[in-house]
N, C-alpha and C. Protein backbone atom coordinates (compact mmCIF):
# COMPACT_ATOMS: atom_id res chain seq x y z
N MET A 1 14.75 -10.35 -5.08
CA MET A 1 14.02 -9.12 -4.80
C MET A 1 13.02 -8.82 -5.90
N ARG A 2 13.40 -9.09 -7.13
CA ARG A 2 12.51 -8.78 -8.25
C ARG A 2 11.20 -9.55 -8.14
N GLY A 3 11.29 -10.85 -7.87
CA GLY A 3 10.09 -11.67 -7.76
C GLY A 3 9.18 -11.21 -6.63
N LEU A 4 9.78 -10.89 -5.49
CA LEU A 4 9.00 -10.42 -4.35
C LEU A 4 8.34 -9.09 -4.67
N THR A 5 9.08 -8.19 -5.28
CA THR A 5 8.52 -6.88 -5.64
C THR A 5 7.38 -7.04 -6.63
N LEU A 6 7.57 -7.87 -7.64
CA LEU A 6 6.50 -8.10 -8.62
C LEU A 6 5.27 -8.71 -7.97
N ARG A 7 5.46 -9.74 -7.16
CA ARG A 7 4.33 -10.42 -6.53
C ARG A 7 3.62 -9.55 -5.51
N ARG A 8 4.39 -8.86 -4.70
CA ARG A 8 3.80 -8.13 -3.59
C ARG A 8 3.28 -6.76 -3.98
N TRP A 9 3.94 -6.05 -4.89
CA TRP A 9 3.59 -4.66 -5.16
C TRP A 9 3.14 -4.40 -6.59
N THR A 10 3.92 -4.84 -7.55
CA THR A 10 3.63 -4.47 -8.94
C THR A 10 2.39 -5.18 -9.48
N SER A 11 2.33 -6.49 -9.35
CA SER A 11 1.20 -7.23 -9.92
C SER A 11 -0.15 -6.82 -9.35
N PRO A 12 -0.30 -6.71 -8.03
CA PRO A 12 -1.62 -6.30 -7.51
C PRO A 12 -2.06 -4.93 -8.02
N VAL A 13 -1.09 -4.06 -8.25
CA VAL A 13 -1.43 -2.70 -8.67
C VAL A 13 -1.69 -2.63 -10.16
N THR A 14 -0.84 -3.25 -10.96
CA THR A 14 -0.97 -3.11 -12.40
C THR A 14 -1.97 -4.08 -13.03
N GLU A 15 -2.21 -5.22 -12.40
CA GLU A 15 -3.07 -6.23 -13.00
C GLU A 15 -4.49 -6.23 -12.46
N SER A 16 -4.76 -5.45 -11.45
CA SER A 16 -6.08 -5.52 -10.82
C SER A 16 -7.15 -4.84 -11.64
N GLY A 17 -6.77 -3.84 -12.44
CA GLY A 17 -7.77 -3.07 -13.17
C GLY A 17 -8.51 -2.10 -12.27
N ALA A 18 -8.13 -2.05 -11.01
CA ALA A 18 -8.78 -1.17 -10.05
C ALA A 18 -8.11 0.21 -10.08
N ASP A 19 -8.78 1.16 -9.46
CA ASP A 19 -8.17 2.48 -9.32
C ASP A 19 -6.94 2.36 -8.43
N PRO A 20 -6.04 3.33 -8.47
CA PRO A 20 -4.78 3.21 -7.72
C PRO A 20 -4.95 3.08 -6.21
N ILE A 21 -5.94 3.73 -5.63
CA ILE A 21 -6.14 3.61 -4.19
C ILE A 21 -6.53 2.19 -3.83
N THR A 22 -7.52 1.64 -4.53
CA THR A 22 -7.96 0.27 -4.27
C THR A 22 -6.84 -0.72 -4.54
N ALA A 23 -6.08 -0.49 -5.61
CA ALA A 23 -4.98 -1.39 -5.94
C ALA A 23 -3.90 -1.38 -4.86
N LEU A 24 -3.58 -0.20 -4.35
CA LEU A 24 -2.57 -0.11 -3.29
C LEU A 24 -3.09 -0.72 -1.99
N GLN A 25 -4.38 -0.52 -1.68
CA GLN A 25 -4.97 -1.16 -0.51
C GLN A 25 -4.89 -2.68 -0.66
N SER A 26 -5.15 -3.17 -1.85
CA SER A 26 -5.08 -4.60 -2.11
C SER A 26 -3.66 -5.12 -1.88
N ALA A 27 -2.67 -4.37 -2.38
CA ALA A 27 -1.28 -4.78 -2.19
C ALA A 27 -0.92 -4.81 -0.70
N LEU A 28 -1.38 -3.81 0.06
CA LEU A 28 -1.11 -3.79 1.50
C LEU A 28 -1.75 -4.98 2.19
N ARG A 29 -2.95 -5.35 1.75
CA ARG A 29 -3.63 -6.49 2.38
C ARG A 29 -2.97 -7.82 2.00
N ILE A 30 -2.31 -7.86 0.86
CA ILE A 30 -1.52 -9.05 0.52
C ILE A 30 -0.37 -9.19 1.51
N VAL A 31 0.27 -8.07 1.83
CA VAL A 31 1.35 -8.10 2.82
C VAL A 31 0.81 -8.58 4.17
N ILE A 32 -0.36 -8.08 4.55
CA ILE A 32 -0.97 -8.51 5.81
C ILE A 32 -1.21 -10.02 5.80
N ALA A 33 -1.80 -10.51 4.71
CA ALA A 33 -2.09 -11.95 4.62
C ALA A 33 -0.82 -12.78 4.64
N GLU A 34 0.21 -12.33 3.91
CA GLU A 34 1.48 -13.07 3.91
C GLU A 34 2.10 -13.08 5.30
N THR A 35 2.00 -11.96 5.98
CA THR A 35 2.58 -11.87 7.31
C THR A 35 1.80 -12.72 8.30
N ASP A 36 0.48 -12.75 8.15
CA ASP A 36 -0.32 -13.62 9.02
C ASP A 36 0.07 -15.08 8.82
N ALA A 37 0.31 -15.45 7.56
CA ALA A 37 0.65 -16.84 7.25
C ALA A 37 2.10 -17.19 7.63
N ARG A 38 2.98 -16.19 7.49
CA ARG A 38 4.41 -16.43 7.77
C ARG A 38 4.97 -15.24 8.54
N PRO A 39 4.79 -15.20 9.84
CA PRO A 39 5.23 -14.05 10.63
C PRO A 39 6.72 -13.72 10.47
N GLU A 40 7.51 -14.69 10.08
CA GLU A 40 8.94 -14.44 9.94
C GLU A 40 9.29 -13.48 8.79
N VAL A 41 8.32 -13.20 7.91
CA VAL A 41 8.61 -12.29 6.79
C VAL A 41 8.92 -10.88 7.25
N ILE A 42 8.52 -10.52 8.47
CA ILE A 42 8.84 -9.17 8.94
C ILE A 42 10.34 -8.98 9.09
N GLU A 43 11.09 -10.07 9.16
CA GLU A 43 12.54 -9.97 9.28
C GLU A 43 13.21 -9.62 7.96
N LEU A 44 12.48 -9.73 6.86
CA LEU A 44 13.07 -9.47 5.54
C LEU A 44 13.10 -8.00 5.17
N GLY A 45 12.31 -7.18 5.82
CA GLY A 45 12.23 -5.79 5.40
C GLY A 45 11.37 -5.65 4.16
N CYS A 46 11.54 -4.56 3.41
CA CYS A 46 10.67 -4.30 2.27
C CYS A 46 11.45 -3.80 1.06
N PRO A 47 11.26 -4.39 -0.12
CA PRO A 47 11.95 -3.94 -1.32
C PRO A 47 11.20 -2.83 -2.08
N LEU A 48 10.16 -2.30 -1.47
CA LEU A 48 9.37 -1.26 -2.13
C LEU A 48 10.25 -0.06 -2.46
N ASN A 49 10.25 0.34 -3.70
CA ASN A 49 11.07 1.48 -4.11
C ASN A 49 10.21 2.67 -4.50
N ASN A 50 9.91 2.80 -5.76
CA ASN A 50 9.22 3.99 -6.24
C ASN A 50 7.82 3.71 -6.75
N LEU A 51 7.28 2.55 -6.46
CA LEU A 51 5.96 2.21 -6.97
C LEU A 51 4.92 3.23 -6.57
N THR A 52 4.93 3.64 -5.32
CA THR A 52 3.92 4.58 -4.85
C THR A 52 4.05 5.92 -5.55
N GLN A 53 5.28 6.37 -5.79
CA GLN A 53 5.47 7.63 -6.49
C GLN A 53 4.89 7.57 -7.90
N GLU A 54 4.93 6.41 -8.52
CA GLU A 54 4.39 6.26 -9.87
C GLU A 54 2.87 6.20 -9.87
N MET A 55 2.27 5.69 -8.79
CA MET A 55 0.82 5.51 -8.76
C MET A 55 0.07 6.80 -8.47
N SER A 56 0.61 7.67 -7.64
CA SER A 56 -0.12 8.88 -7.23
C SER A 56 -0.51 9.78 -8.38
N PRO A 57 0.40 10.16 -9.29
CA PRO A 57 -0.02 11.02 -10.40
C PRO A 57 -1.06 10.35 -11.30
N ARG A 58 -0.95 9.03 -11.49
CA ARG A 58 -1.94 8.32 -12.31
C ARG A 58 -3.33 8.45 -11.73
N GLY A 59 -3.42 8.34 -10.40
CA GLY A 59 -4.72 8.43 -9.74
C GLY A 59 -5.37 9.79 -9.90
N ARG A 60 -4.57 10.83 -9.85
CA ARG A 60 -5.13 12.17 -10.07
C ARG A 60 -5.57 12.30 -11.52
N ALA A 61 -4.79 11.78 -12.43
CA ALA A 61 -5.12 11.89 -13.86
C ALA A 61 -6.41 11.16 -14.20
N ASP A 62 -6.66 10.01 -13.58
CA ASP A 62 -7.88 9.26 -13.92
C ASP A 62 -9.07 9.63 -13.04
N GLY A 63 -8.88 10.59 -12.12
CA GLY A 63 -10.00 11.08 -11.32
C GLY A 63 -10.33 10.26 -10.09
N SER A 64 -9.54 9.24 -9.78
CA SER A 64 -9.85 8.43 -8.60
C SER A 64 -9.26 9.00 -7.32
N VAL A 65 -8.26 9.87 -7.46
CA VAL A 65 -7.65 10.53 -6.31
C VAL A 65 -8.07 11.99 -6.30
N ARG A 66 -8.37 12.51 -5.11
CA ARG A 66 -8.79 13.91 -4.99
C ARG A 66 -7.81 14.85 -5.69
N ALA A 67 -8.33 15.87 -6.33
CA ALA A 67 -7.50 16.83 -7.06
C ALA A 67 -6.62 17.65 -6.13
N ASP A 68 -7.01 17.80 -4.88
CA ASP A 68 -6.22 18.62 -3.96
C ASP A 68 -5.08 17.84 -3.29
N VAL A 69 -4.92 16.58 -3.61
CA VAL A 69 -3.85 15.77 -3.03
C VAL A 69 -2.55 16.05 -3.77
N ASP A 70 -1.50 16.32 -3.02
CA ASP A 70 -0.16 16.48 -3.59
C ASP A 70 0.42 15.08 -3.77
N PRO A 71 0.52 14.59 -5.02
CA PRO A 71 0.95 13.21 -5.24
C PRO A 71 2.31 12.88 -4.65
N ARG A 72 3.26 13.78 -4.77
CA ARG A 72 4.61 13.52 -4.26
C ARG A 72 4.59 13.42 -2.73
N ALA A 73 3.91 14.35 -2.08
CA ALA A 73 3.85 14.32 -0.61
C ALA A 73 3.12 13.07 -0.12
N ALA A 74 2.02 12.72 -0.77
CA ALA A 74 1.28 11.52 -0.38
C ALA A 74 2.14 10.28 -0.60
N ALA A 75 2.82 10.22 -1.73
CA ALA A 75 3.68 9.07 -2.03
C ALA A 75 4.80 8.94 -1.01
N ASP A 76 5.42 10.07 -0.66
CA ASP A 76 6.49 10.04 0.33
C ASP A 76 5.98 9.51 1.67
N LEU A 77 4.80 9.98 2.08
CA LEU A 77 4.21 9.53 3.34
C LEU A 77 3.88 8.04 3.29
N ILE A 78 3.31 7.59 2.18
CA ILE A 78 2.92 6.18 2.05
C ILE A 78 4.15 5.28 2.12
N VAL A 79 5.19 5.63 1.38
CA VAL A 79 6.42 4.82 1.40
C VAL A 79 7.02 4.83 2.80
N ALA A 80 7.08 6.01 3.43
CA ALA A 80 7.63 6.10 4.78
C ALA A 80 6.81 5.27 5.76
N ALA A 81 5.49 5.30 5.61
CA ALA A 81 4.63 4.53 6.51
C ALA A 81 4.84 3.03 6.32
N ILE A 82 4.95 2.60 5.08
CA ILE A 82 5.18 1.17 4.82
C ILE A 82 6.53 0.74 5.37
N GLU A 83 7.57 1.48 4.98
CA GLU A 83 8.92 1.14 5.42
C GLU A 83 9.04 1.21 6.94
N GLY A 84 8.48 2.27 7.52
CA GLY A 84 8.53 2.42 8.97
C GLY A 84 7.77 1.31 9.68
N SER A 85 6.63 0.94 9.15
CA SER A 85 5.84 -0.14 9.74
C SER A 85 6.59 -1.46 9.70
N LEU A 86 7.24 -1.73 8.58
CA LEU A 86 8.03 -2.97 8.48
C LEU A 86 9.21 -2.95 9.44
N GLY A 87 9.86 -1.80 9.54
CA GLY A 87 10.99 -1.68 10.46
C GLY A 87 10.57 -1.83 11.91
N LEU A 88 9.47 -1.17 12.29
CA LEU A 88 8.97 -1.28 13.66
C LEU A 88 8.54 -2.71 13.99
N ALA A 89 7.85 -3.34 13.04
CA ALA A 89 7.39 -4.71 13.27
C ALA A 89 8.58 -5.66 13.41
N LYS A 90 9.59 -5.44 12.60
CA LYS A 90 10.80 -6.27 12.69
C LYS A 90 11.45 -6.10 14.05
N SER A 91 11.62 -4.86 14.46
CA SER A 91 12.26 -4.57 15.73
C SER A 91 11.46 -5.13 16.91
N ALA A 92 10.15 -4.98 16.85
CA ALA A 92 9.28 -5.46 17.94
C ALA A 92 8.92 -6.93 17.79
N LYS A 93 9.28 -7.53 16.64
CA LYS A 93 8.89 -8.91 16.34
C LYS A 93 7.38 -9.07 16.51
N SER A 94 6.65 -8.12 15.90
CA SER A 94 5.21 -8.06 16.12
C SER A 94 4.43 -8.00 14.81
N VAL A 95 3.83 -9.12 14.46
CA VAL A 95 2.94 -9.16 13.31
C VAL A 95 1.72 -8.30 13.58
N ARG A 96 1.24 -8.28 14.82
CA ARG A 96 0.08 -7.47 15.18
C ARG A 96 0.33 -6.00 14.89
N MET A 97 1.53 -5.53 15.20
CA MET A 97 1.86 -4.14 14.94
C MET A 97 1.85 -3.84 13.44
N LEU A 98 2.40 -4.74 12.65
CA LEU A 98 2.42 -4.53 11.20
C LEU A 98 1.00 -4.51 10.67
N ARG A 99 0.19 -5.45 11.08
CA ARG A 99 -1.21 -5.51 10.63
C ARG A 99 -1.93 -4.22 10.98
N SER A 100 -1.81 -3.78 12.20
CA SER A 100 -2.48 -2.56 12.64
C SER A 100 -2.03 -1.35 11.84
N ASN A 101 -0.74 -1.20 11.66
CA ASN A 101 -0.22 -0.06 10.90
C ASN A 101 -0.68 -0.08 9.45
N LEU A 102 -0.65 -1.23 8.81
CA LEU A 102 -1.05 -1.30 7.40
C LEU A 102 -2.56 -1.09 7.24
N GLU A 103 -3.35 -1.54 8.19
CA GLU A 103 -4.79 -1.27 8.13
C GLU A 103 -5.05 0.23 8.30
N GLN A 104 -4.30 0.88 9.18
CA GLN A 104 -4.43 2.33 9.34
C GLN A 104 -4.04 3.04 8.04
N LEU A 105 -3.02 2.54 7.38
CA LEU A 105 -2.61 3.12 6.11
C LEU A 105 -3.69 2.93 5.05
N CYS A 106 -4.37 1.79 5.05
CA CYS A 106 -5.49 1.58 4.13
C CYS A 106 -6.59 2.61 4.40
N ASP A 107 -6.86 2.90 5.67
CA ASP A 107 -7.85 3.92 6.01
C ASP A 107 -7.42 5.29 5.51
N TYR A 108 -6.15 5.63 5.66
CA TYR A 108 -5.62 6.90 5.15
C TYR A 108 -5.83 6.98 3.64
N LEU A 109 -5.50 5.90 2.95
CA LEU A 109 -5.65 5.88 1.49
C LEU A 109 -7.10 6.11 1.08
N GLU A 110 -8.03 5.58 1.84
CA GLU A 110 -9.45 5.78 1.54
C GLU A 110 -9.78 7.27 1.56
N GLY A 111 -9.14 8.02 2.44
CA GLY A 111 -9.37 9.45 2.53
C GLY A 111 -8.84 10.23 1.33
N LEU A 112 -8.00 9.61 0.52
CA LEU A 112 -7.48 10.26 -0.68
C LEU A 112 -8.41 10.11 -1.88
N ARG A 113 -9.40 9.24 -1.74
CA ARG A 113 -10.29 8.93 -2.85
C ARG A 113 -11.13 10.14 -3.21
N ALA A 114 -11.26 10.40 -4.51
CA ALA A 114 -12.07 11.51 -4.99
C ALA A 114 -13.53 11.29 -4.63
N ARG A 115 -14.23 12.38 -4.37
CA ARG A 115 -15.66 12.32 -4.04
C ARG A 115 -16.38 11.61 -5.19
N GLY A 116 -17.29 10.73 -4.83
CA GLY A 116 -18.05 10.00 -5.84
C GLY A 116 -17.37 8.73 -6.31
N GLN A 117 -16.11 8.55 -5.95
CA GLN A 117 -15.41 7.33 -6.32
C GLN A 117 -15.58 6.33 -5.18
N SER A 118 -16.03 5.15 -5.52
CA SER A 118 -16.18 4.14 -4.48
C SER A 118 -15.08 3.11 -4.64
N SER A 119 -14.77 2.45 -3.55
CA SER A 119 -13.74 1.42 -3.61
C SER A 119 -14.29 0.19 -4.30
N SER A 120 -13.40 -0.54 -4.93
CA SER A 120 -13.80 -1.77 -5.60
C SER A 120 -13.77 -2.90 -4.59
N PRO A 121 -14.31 -4.06 -4.95
CA PRO A 121 -14.31 -5.20 -4.03
C PRO A 121 -12.92 -5.62 -3.60
N LEU A 122 -11.87 -5.22 -4.34
CA LEU A 122 -10.51 -5.61 -3.97
C LEU A 122 -10.06 -4.99 -2.67
N SER A 123 -10.66 -3.88 -2.25
CA SER A 123 -10.14 -3.16 -1.09
C SER A 123 -10.64 -3.72 0.23
N ALA A 124 -11.58 -4.59 0.23
CA ALA A 124 -12.13 -5.08 1.50
C ALA A 124 -11.43 -6.30 2.00
């Protein structure tokens, strides 16, 4: 679990040098790419724990996340969306569903970005 968590969630966020929104979008797109390459990974579920809760306050502090965003509420929603998407995809055996849900989550994250902050090349 540690290796998967580091590769899938921690490394893309902490090593990218990008703002937290772009880094989290990048991590989600890694999941999409892994799932496209190996559809059976949806059967594993997700070891994501508190990474999102740690990223939200940092984003507000560095000005990349809108000041009016409640970090805890956003983090709870993001974790629930990721976990729910993985659970639904597993149940439906649908990589397409996971891809669609995670892309929608990337769009939601873009809406959290502070005015004047643009996404880095990692988010595309």
